C-alpha atoms as a PDB file:
ATOM      1  CA  MET A   1      -1.844 -13.649 -11.532  1.00  0.00           C
ATOM      2  CA  THR A   2       0.600 -14.562  -8.782  1.00  0.00           C
ATOM      3  CA  LEU A   3       0.272 -12.719  -5.477  1.00  0.00           C
ATOM      4  CA  THR A   4       3.397 -12.255  -3.358  1.00  0.00           C
ATOM      5  CA  TRP A   5       2.987 -11.449   0.341  1.00  0.00           C
ATOM      6  CA  SER A   6       4.056  -7.867   1.096  1.00  0.00           C
ATOM      7  CA  HIS A   7       2.845  -6.478   4.424  1.00  0.00           C
ATOM      8  CA  ALA A   8       0.154  -6.136   7.070  1.00  0.00           C
ATOM      9  CA  PHE A   9      -1.428  -2.876   8.216  1.00  0.00           C
ATOM     10  CA  VAL A  10      -2.644  -3.049  11.819  1.00  0.00           C
ATOM     11  CA  ASN A  11      -4.598  -0.595  13.954  1.00  0.00           C
ATOM     12  CA  VAL A  12      -3.062  -0.278  17.428  1.00  0.00           C
ATOM     13  CA  LYS A  13      -4.083   1.370  20.680  1.00  0.00           C
ATOM     14  CA  ASN A  14      -0.593   2.573  21.665  1.00  0.00           C
ATOM     15  CA  LEU A  15       1.679   3.336  18.712  1.00  0.00           C
ATOM     16  CA  ASN A  16       4.800   4.106  20.788  1.00  0.00           C
ATOM     17  CA  GLN A  17       4.507   0.882  22.772  1.00  0.00           C
ATOM     18  CA  MET A  18       4.078  -1.216  19.607  1.00  0.00           C
ATOM     19  CA  VAL A  19       6.960   0.495  17.793  1.00  0.00           C
ATOM     20  CA  SER A  20       9.227  -0.011  20.821  1.00  0.00           C
ATOM     21  CA  PHE A  21       8.331  -3.685  21.077  1.00  0.00           C
ATOM     22  CA  TYR A  22       8.845  -4.399  17.376  1.00  0.00           C
ATOM     23  CA  THR A  23      12.137  -2.477  17.218  1.00  0.00           C
ATOM     24  CA  ASP A  24      13.649  -3.387  20.603  1.00  0.00           C
ATOM     25  CA  VAL A  25      12.454  -6.982  20.895  1.00  0.00           C
ATOM     26  CA  LEU A  26      11.898  -8.195  17.328  1.00  0.00           C
ATOM     27  CA  GLY A  27      14.621  -6.226  15.535  1.00  0.00           C
ATOM     28  CA  PHE A  28      12.543  -4.138  13.136  1.00  0.00           C
ATOM     29  CA  ARG A  29      13.574  -0.605  12.171  1.00  0.00           C
ATOM     30  CA  VAL A  30      11.317   2.380  11.581  1.00  0.00           C
ATOM     31  CA  ASN A  31      11.552   3.587   7.967  1.00  0.00           C
ATOM     32  CA  ASP A  32       8.885   6.307   8.144  1.00  0.00           C
ATOM     33  CA  GLN A  33       6.662   7.702  10.863  1.00  0.00           C
ATOM     34  CA  ALA A  34       4.137  10.525  10.530  1.00  0.00           C
ATOM     35  CA  ASP A  35       0.497  11.339  11.203  1.00  0.00           C
ATOM     36  CA  GLY A  36       0.079   8.515  13.731  1.00  0.00           C
ATOM     37  CA  ILE A  37       1.401   5.843  11.330  1.00  0.00           C
ATOM     38  CA  ALA A  38       4.700   3.944  11.604  1.00  0.00           C
ATOM     39  CA  PHE A  39       6.227   1.833   8.818  1.00  0.00           C
ATOM     40  CA  LEU A  40       8.630  -0.905  10.000  1.00  0.00           C
ATOM     41  CA  SER A  41      10.795  -3.457   8.231  1.00  0.00           C
ATOM     42  CA  GLN A  42      13.684  -5.837   8.791  1.00  0.00           C
ATOM     43  CA  LEU A  43      14.503  -5.999   5.078  1.00  0.00           C
ATOM     44  CA  GLU A  44      16.656  -3.423   3.283  1.00  0.00           C
ATOM     45  CA  ASP A  45      14.594  -3.489   0.083  1.00  0.00           C
ATOM     46  CA  GLU A  46      11.140  -3.327   1.733  1.00  0.00           C
ATOM     47  CA  HIS A  47       9.763   0.015   2.871  1.00  0.00           C
ATOM     48  CA  HIS A  48       7.588  -1.837   5.376  1.00  0.00           C
ATOM     49  CA  GLN A  49       6.662  -5.363   6.319  1.00  0.00           C
ATOM     50  CA  ILE A  50       4.241  -4.090   8.928  1.00  0.00           C
ATOM     51  CA  ALA A  51       2.561  -0.725   9.393  1.00  0.00           C
ATOM     52  CA  PHE A  52       0.864   0.466  12.573  1.00  0.00           C
ATOM     53  CA  LYS A  53      -1.766   3.183  12.797  1.00  0.00           C
ATOM     54  CA  GLU A  54      -2.718   4.504  16.191  1.00  0.00           C
ATOM     55  CA  ASP A  55      -6.465   4.175  16.670  1.00  0.00           C
ATOM     56  CA  ALA A  56      -7.251   3.907  20.374  1.00  0.00           C
ATOM     57  CA  ASP A  57     -11.022   3.938  19.832  1.00  0.00           C
ATOM     58  CA  GLN A  58     -11.673   0.635  18.087  1.00  0.00           C
ATOM     59  CA  GLY A  59     -15.261   0.407  19.330  1.00  0.00           C
ATOM     60  CA  ASN A  60     -16.691  -3.035  18.571  1.00  0.00           C
ATOM     61  CA  ALA A  61     -14.216  -3.830  15.815  1.00  0.00           C
ATOM     62  CA  SER A  62     -13.796  -7.587  15.494  1.00  0.00           C
ATOM     63  CA  SER A  63     -10.341  -7.199  13.959  1.00  0.00           C
ATOM     64  CA  ARG A  64      -7.499  -4.751  14.365  1.00  0.00           C
ATOM     65  CA  VAL A  65      -6.157  -5.650  10.929  1.00  0.00           C
ATOM     66  CA  GLY A  66      -6.473  -2.740   8.529  1.00  0.00           C
ATOM     67  CA  HIS A  67      -5.457  -4.784   5.489  1.00  0.00           C
ATOM     68  CA  PHE A  68      -3.256  -7.533   4.124  1.00  0.00           C
ATOM     69  CA  ALA A  69      -1.141  -6.557   1.118  1.00  0.00           C
ATOM     70  CA  PHE A  70       0.047  -8.538  -1.874  1.00  0.00           C
ATOM     71  CA  ARG A  71       2.417  -7.510  -4.678  1.00  0.00           C
ATOM     72  CA  VAL A  72       1.899  -8.424  -8.336  1.00  0.00           C
ATOM     73  CA  GLU A  73       4.421  -8.059 -11.142  1.00  0.00           C
ATOM     74  CA  SER A  74       2.647  -5.645 -13.471  1.00  0.00           C
ATOM     75  CA  LEU A  75       0.292  -2.744 -13.823  1.00  0.00           C
ATOM     76  CA  VAL A  76      -1.664  -4.858 -16.300  1.00  0.00           C
ATOM     77  CA  GLU A  77      -2.468  -7.307 -13.483  1.00  0.00           C
ATOM     78  CA  VAL A  78      -3.593  -4.500 -11.176  1.00  0.00           C
ATOM     79  CA  LYS A  79      -5.868  -3.077 -13.872  1.00  0.00           C
ATOM     80  CA  ARG A  80      -7.307  -6.508 -14.721  1.00  0.00           C
ATOM     81  CA  LEU A  81      -8.014  -7.172 -11.065  1.00  0.00           C
ATOM     82  CA  TYR A  82      -9.715  -3.793 -10.736  1.00  0.00           C
ATOM     83  CA  GLN A  83     -12.078  -4.684 -13.606  1.00  0.00           C
ATOM     84  CA  GLU A  84     -12.820  -8.087 -12.079  1.00  0.00           C
ATOM     85  CA  LEU A  85     -13.408  -6.699  -8.584  1.00  0.00           C
ATOM     86  CA  THR A  86     -15.731  -3.885  -9.670  1.00  0.00           C
ATOM     87  CA  SER A  87     -18.000  -6.394 -11.378  1.00  0.00           C
ATOM     88  CA  ASN A  88     -18.116  -8.771  -8.386  1.00  0.00           C
ATOM     89  CA  ASP A  89     -21.061  -8.238  -6.006  1.00  0.00           C
ATOM     90  CA  GLU A  90     -19.297 -10.093  -3.175  1.00  0.00           C
ATOM     91  CA  VAL A  91     -16.489  -7.544  -3.077  1.00  0.00           C
ATOM     92  CA  GLY A  92     -16.886  -4.265  -1.259  1.00  0.00           C
ATOM     93  CA  LYS A  93     -15.329  -0.827  -1.534  1.00  0.00           C
ATOM     94  CA  VAL A  94     -12.873  -1.105  -4.444  1.00  0.00           C
ATOM     95  CA  VAL A  95     -10.576   1.949  -4.341  1.00  0.00           C
ATOM     96  CA  PRO A  96      -7.511   2.615  -6.518  1.00  0.00           C
ATOM     97  CA  VAL A  97      -4.768   4.411  -4.549  1.00  0.00           C
ATOM     98  CA  THR A  98      -1.237   5.397  -5.473  1.00  0.00           C
ATOM     99  CA  HIS A  99       1.393   5.722  -2.771  1.00  0.00           C
ATOM    100  CA  GLY A 100       3.826   7.154  -5.317  1.00  0.00           C
ATOM    101  CA  ASN A 101       5.951   4.032  -5.075  1.00  0.00           C
ATOM    102  CA  THR A 102       2.981   1.751  -5.884  1.00  0.00           C
ATOM    103  CA  TRP A 103      -0.260   1.625  -7.815  1.00  0.00           C
ATOM    104  CA  SER A 104      -2.683  -0.157  -5.509  1.00  0.00           C
ATOM    105  CA  ILE A 105      -6.223  -1.440  -5.416  1.00  0.00           C
ATOM    106  CA  TYR A 106      -7.832  -1.611  -1.964  1.00  0.00           C
ATOM    107  CA  PHE A 107     -10.966  -3.667  -1.459  1.00  0.00           C
ATOM    108  CA  HIS A 108     -12.905  -5.809   1.005  1.00  0.00           C
ATOM    109  CA  ASP A 109     -13.235  -9.547   0.614  1.00  0.00           C
ATOM    110  CA  PRO A 110     -16.687 -11.143   1.150  1.00  0.00           C
ATOM    111  CA  GLU A 111     -16.218 -11.010   4.956  1.00  0.00           C
ATOM    112  CA  ARG A 112     -15.067  -7.390   4.744  1.00  0.00           C
ATOM    113  CA  ASN A 113     -11.391  -7.992   5.498  1.00  0.00           C
ATOM    114  CA  GLY A 114      -9.183  -5.306   3.972  1.00  0.00           C
ATOM    115  CA  ILE A 115      -6.973  -6.364   1.049  1.00  0.00           C
ATOM    116  CA  GLU A 116      -4.438  -4.374  -0.981  1.00  0.00           C
ATOM    117  CA  VAL A 117      -3.014  -5.623  -4.277  1.00  0.00           C
ATOM    118  CA  PHE A 118      -0.323  -3.474  -5.890  1.00  0.00           C
ATOM    119  CA  CYS A 119       2.565  -3.217  -8.288  1.00  0.00           C
ATOM    120  CA  ASP A 120       5.652  -1.078  -7.820  1.00  0.00           C
ATOM    121  CA  THR A 121       6.186   2.163  -9.733  1.00  0.00           C
ATOM    122  CA  PRO A 122       9.648   3.342 -10.834  1.00  0.00           C
ATOM    123  CA  TRP A 123       9.585   6.067  -8.162  1.00  0.00           C
ATOM    124  CA  ASP A 124       9.842   6.461  -4.427  1.00  0.00           C
ATOM    125  CA  ALA A 125       7.811   8.907  -2.343  1.00  0.00           C
ATOM    126  CA  ASP A 126       7.846  10.112   1.230  1.00  0.00           C
ATOM    127  CA  GLN A 127       5.205   8.267   3.251  1.00  0.00           C
ATOM    128  CA  PRO A 128       2.450   8.424   4.239  1.00  0.00           C
ATOM    129  CA  PHE A 129       1.222   9.262   0.733  1.00  0.00           C
ATOM    130  CA  ALA A 130      -2.155   8.214  -0.630  1.00  0.00           C
ATOM    131  CA  GLU A 131      -3.933   9.633  -3.667  1.00  0.00           C
ATOM    132  CA  THR A 132      -6.586   8.130  -5.916  1.00  0.00           C
ATOM    133  CA  TRP A 133      -5.797   7.191  -9.519  1.00  0.00           C
ATOM    134  CA  ASP A 134      -7.892   6.179 -12.499  1.00  0.00           C
ATOM    135  CA  PRO A 135      -7.339   2.566 -13.676  1.00  0.00           C
ATOM    136  CA  GLN A 136      -8.685   3.621 -17.101  1.00  0.00           C
ATOM    137  CA  MET A 137      -5.667   5.908 -17.691  1.00  0.00           C
ATOM    138  CA  ASP A 138      -3.103   4.789 -20.238  1.00  0.00           C
ATOM    139  CA  ARG A 139       0.485   4.245 -19.154  1.00  0.00           C
ATOM    140  CA  ALA A 140       1.873   7.631 -20.235  1.00  0.00           C
ATOM    141  CA  ASP A 141      -0.924   9.619 -18.592  1.00  0.00           C
ATOM    142  CA  LEU A 142      -0.683   7.559 -15.386  1.00  0.00           C
ATOM    143  CA  GLU A 143       3.086   8.078 -15.213  1.00  0.00           C
ATOM    144  CA  THR A 144       2.691  11.840 -15.669  1.00  0.00           C
ATOM    145  CA  TYR A 145      -0.134  11.984 -13.129  1.00  0.00           C
ATOM    146  CA  THR A 146       1.851   9.991 -10.559  1.00  0.00           C
ATOM    147  CA  THR A 147       5.113  11.898 -10.944  1.00  0.00           C
ATOM    148  CA  ASN A 148       3.253  15.207 -10.622  1.00  0.00           C
ATOM    149  CA  LEU A 149       1.642  14.002  -7.378  1.00  0.00           C
ATOM    150  CA  ILE A 150       5.008  12.917  -5.997  1.00  0.00           C
ATOM    151  CA  LYS A 151       6.582  16.269  -6.891  1.00  0.00           C
ATOM    152  CA  GLU A 152       3.714  18.095  -5.125  1.00  0.00           C
ATOM    153  CA  HIS A 153       4.250  15.914  -2.060  1.00  0.00           C
ATOM    154  CA  GLY A 154       8.065  16.022  -1.960  1.00  0.00           C
ATOM    155  CA  ASP A 155      11.035  14.800  -3.955  1.00  0.00           C
ATOM    156  CA  LEU A 156      10.858  12.489  -6.966  1.00  0.00           C
ATOM    157  CA  LYS A 157      13.319   9.644  -6.352  1.00  0.00           C
ATOM    158  CA  ALA A 158      13.972   6.256  -7.913  1.00  0.00           C
ATOM    159  CA  ASN A 159      12.194   3.325  -6.263  1.00  0.00           C
ATOM    160  CA  PRO A 160      14.900   0.843  -5.190  1.00  0.00           C
ATOM    161  CA  ARG A 161      12.418  -2.081  -5.521  1.00  0.00           C
ATOM    162  CA  ALA A 162      11.132  -1.158  -8.939  1.00  0.00           C
ATOM    163  CA  GLN A 163      11.354  -3.736 -11.650  1.00  0.00           C
ATOM    164  CA  VAL A 164       8.182  -2.562 -13.274  1.00  0.00           C
ATOM    165  CA  ASP A 165       6.611  -4.546 -16.072  1.00  0.00           C
ATOM    166  CA  PHE A 166       4.061  -2.201 -17.573  1.00  0.00           C
ATOM    167  CA  GLY A 167       2.981  -4.740 -20.132  1.00  0.00           C
ATOM    168  CA  SER A 168       0.590  -3.403 -22.747  1.00  0.00           C
ATOM    169  CA  VAL A 169      -1.315  -0.775 -20.807  1.00  0.00           C
END
């Protein structure tokens, strides 16, 4: 399995200040913003390279990083990783989530840093969008399940990034 860097998700104290800095100073653009979350990118084909979530009360959090995200090429790889992670006692909180445009697995590494590994789906969805999915589902059922969720949430559109390799799922 080859992981390709995708994005970082960071908790921030002042969302407007961070968005202004990243857009005005660093040249990012806002692709989506809702529910206290902003998705920013400099690349045309990436929904976000960095996401900020306003969370002023961080308490004693040692890190403001929500998670680091990596893309894989196929749903088969995501499902294999899910099986491996759920049988590993060093890994915490393994949660499958679809964002409509991805099938993701969120988990904690041994030091409890947040990690997301995902593959693209053929569809796009308005963000934020997060629903659980069952990694035991076969391809046809997962596609139907995902498209129904997207339709409930908004419009079903083609994912401009999608070059999905479903493999033998």
